[in-house]
Amino acid sequence: MGEYLSVPNKTKETEVGEGANVRYSAIGMQGWRRSMEDSHIAHIDIPGGNSLFGVYDGHGGQEVALFVKKHFKNELIKLPSYKSKCYKEALEECFLKLDEIMLTKAG
């Protein structure tokens, strides 16, 4: 059997939310894997009047997907590039920063 179920788990978990200028819905389904390995974020009111959405695929394990879910927003809004509204650069820097953190003992 290994990492897969004999039948997919089709139970869906739904999250909905809304803010001043946005409404969202996120739905997750475990599927064939033995446990849910993916995660997502939906932050509708982060500094600068922005919203942040992301889906993170566990690729055979949930640890990194959950780590990103927990830390992405806070690391992003600390970056000078985010504060200066260079959002493309800030997103790229944030992923690299999370890679660095995961390589440390704390990660």
Protein backbone atom coordinates (compact mmCIF):
# COMPACT_ATOMS: atom_id res chain seq x y z
CA MET A 1 0.00 0.00 0.00
CA GLY A 2 2.75 2.49 0.89
CA GLU A 3 1.97 6.18 0.74
CA TYR A 4 -1.38 5.76 -1.00
CA LEU A 5 -4.88 4.75 0.03
CA SER A 6 -6.82 2.07 -1.82
CA VAL A 7 -9.58 4.63 -2.41
CA PRO A 8 -9.19 8.41 -2.37
CA ASN A 9 -10.41 10.42 0.61
CA LYS A 10 -12.83 12.82 -1.10
CA THR A 11 -13.81 14.72 2.05
CA LYS A 12 -13.45 18.42 1.31
CA GLU A 13 -12.49 21.13 3.78
CA THR A 14 -13.74 24.60 2.89
CA GLU A 15 -12.62 28.00 4.14
CA VAL A 16 -14.33 31.25 3.19
CA GLY A 17 -13.56 34.81 4.12
CA GLU A 18 -13.91 38.40 3.05
CA GLY A 19 -12.40 41.78 3.69
CA ALA A 20 -13.01 45.31 2.53
CA ASN A 21 -12.24 44.60 -1.15
CA VAL A 22 -12.03 40.85 -1.56
CA ARG A 23 -13.99 37.67 -1.00
CA TYR A 24 -12.42 34.21 -1.25
CA SER A 25 -13.09 30.51 -0.92
CA ALA A 26 -10.50 27.74 -0.56
CA ILE A 27 -11.26 24.04 -0.78
CA GLY A 28 -8.85 21.21 -0.01
CA MET A 29 -9.17 17.46 -0.56
CA GLN A 30 -6.73 14.79 0.64
CA GLY A 31 -7.15 12.46 -2.32
CA TRP A 32 -5.04 9.30 -2.59
CA ARG A 33 -2.36 10.18 0.00
CA ARG A 34 -2.49 8.75 3.54
CA SER A 35 -2.77 12.27 5.00
CA MET A 36 -3.29 15.82 3.78
CA GLU A 37 0.11 17.15 2.71
CA ASP A 38 -0.84 20.51 1.25
CA SER A 39 -1.53 23.83 2.93
CA HIS A 40 -2.70 27.26 1.91
CA ILE A 41 -2.78 30.81 3.18
CA ALA A 42 -5.39 33.49 2.76
CA HIS A 43 -4.52 36.80 4.39
CA ILE A 44 -6.96 39.45 3.22
CA ASP A 45 -5.65 42.54 4.99
CA ILE A 46 -1.87 42.70 5.21
CA PRO A 47 0.09 45.97 5.48
CA GLY A 48 -0.04 48.15 2.39
CA GLY A 49 -3.69 47.36 1.70
CA ASN A 50 -2.80 44.04 0.09
CA SER A 51 -4.09 40.49 0.23
CA LEU A 52 -1.92 37.38 0.11
CA PHE A 53 -2.99 33.96 -1.13
CA GLY A 54 -0.88 30.86 -1.63
CA VAL A 55 -1.18 27.12 -2.11
CA TYR A 56 1.72 24.92 -1.03
CA ASP A 57 2.00 21.34 -2.27
CA GLY A 58 3.55 18.95 0.24
CA HIS A 59 5.14 16.73 -2.45
CA GLY A 60 5.26 13.65 -0.26
CA GLY A 61 5.25 15.33 3.17
CA GLN A 62 3.48 18.14 4.91
CA GLU A 63 6.35 19.64 6.92
CA VAL A 64 7.55 22.28 4.44
CA ALA A 65 4.02 23.22 3.35
CA LEU A 66 3.05 23.83 6.99
CA PHE A 67 6.27 25.74 7.68
CA VAL A 68 5.57 28.10 4.77
CA LYS A 69 1.97 28.54 5.90
CA LYS A 70 3.15 29.51 9.39
CA HIS A 71 5.96 31.90 8.42
CA PHE A 72 5.41 33.33 4.94
CA LYS A 73 3.33 36.40 5.78
CA ASN A 74 5.47 37.54 8.69
CA GLU A 75 8.72 37.14 6.75
CA LEU A 76 7.23 38.92 3.73
CA ILE A 77 6.05 42.05 5.51
CA LYS A 78 9.43 42.46 7.27
CA LEU A 79 11.31 42.79 3.98
CA PRO A 80 12.48 46.25 2.87
CA SER A 81 11.40 45.38 -0.69
CA TYR A 82 7.82 44.76 0.53
CA LYS A 83 7.80 47.99 2.51
CA SER A 84 8.95 49.88 -0.61
CA LYS A 85 6.16 48.21 -2.66
CA CYS A 86 8.48 46.14 -4.85
CA TYR A 87 6.13 43.19 -4.52
CA LYS A 88 7.58 40.87 -7.18
CA GLU A 89 11.03 41.23 -5.62
CA ALA A 90 9.61 40.80 -2.12
CA LEU A 91 7.87 37.53 -3.03
CA GLU A 92 11.05 36.12 -4.55
CA GLU A 93 13.12 37.22 -1.54
CA CYS A 94 10.62 35.75 0.87
CA PHE A 95 10.81 32.27 -0.65
CA LEU A 96 14.61 32.42 -0.58
CA LYS A 97 14.51 33.65 3.03
CA LEU A 98 12.29 30.72 4.05
CA ASP A 99 14.74 28.33 2.36
CA GLU A 100 17.54 29.86 4.45
CA ILE A 101 15.52 29.56 7.67
CA MET A 102 14.68 25.91 6.97
CA LEU A 103 18.40 25.14 6.71
CA THR A 104 19.03 26.40 10.25
CA LYS A 105 18.48 24.48 13.48
CA ALA A 106 15.35 26.58 14.14
CA GLY A 107 13.96 25.50 10.77
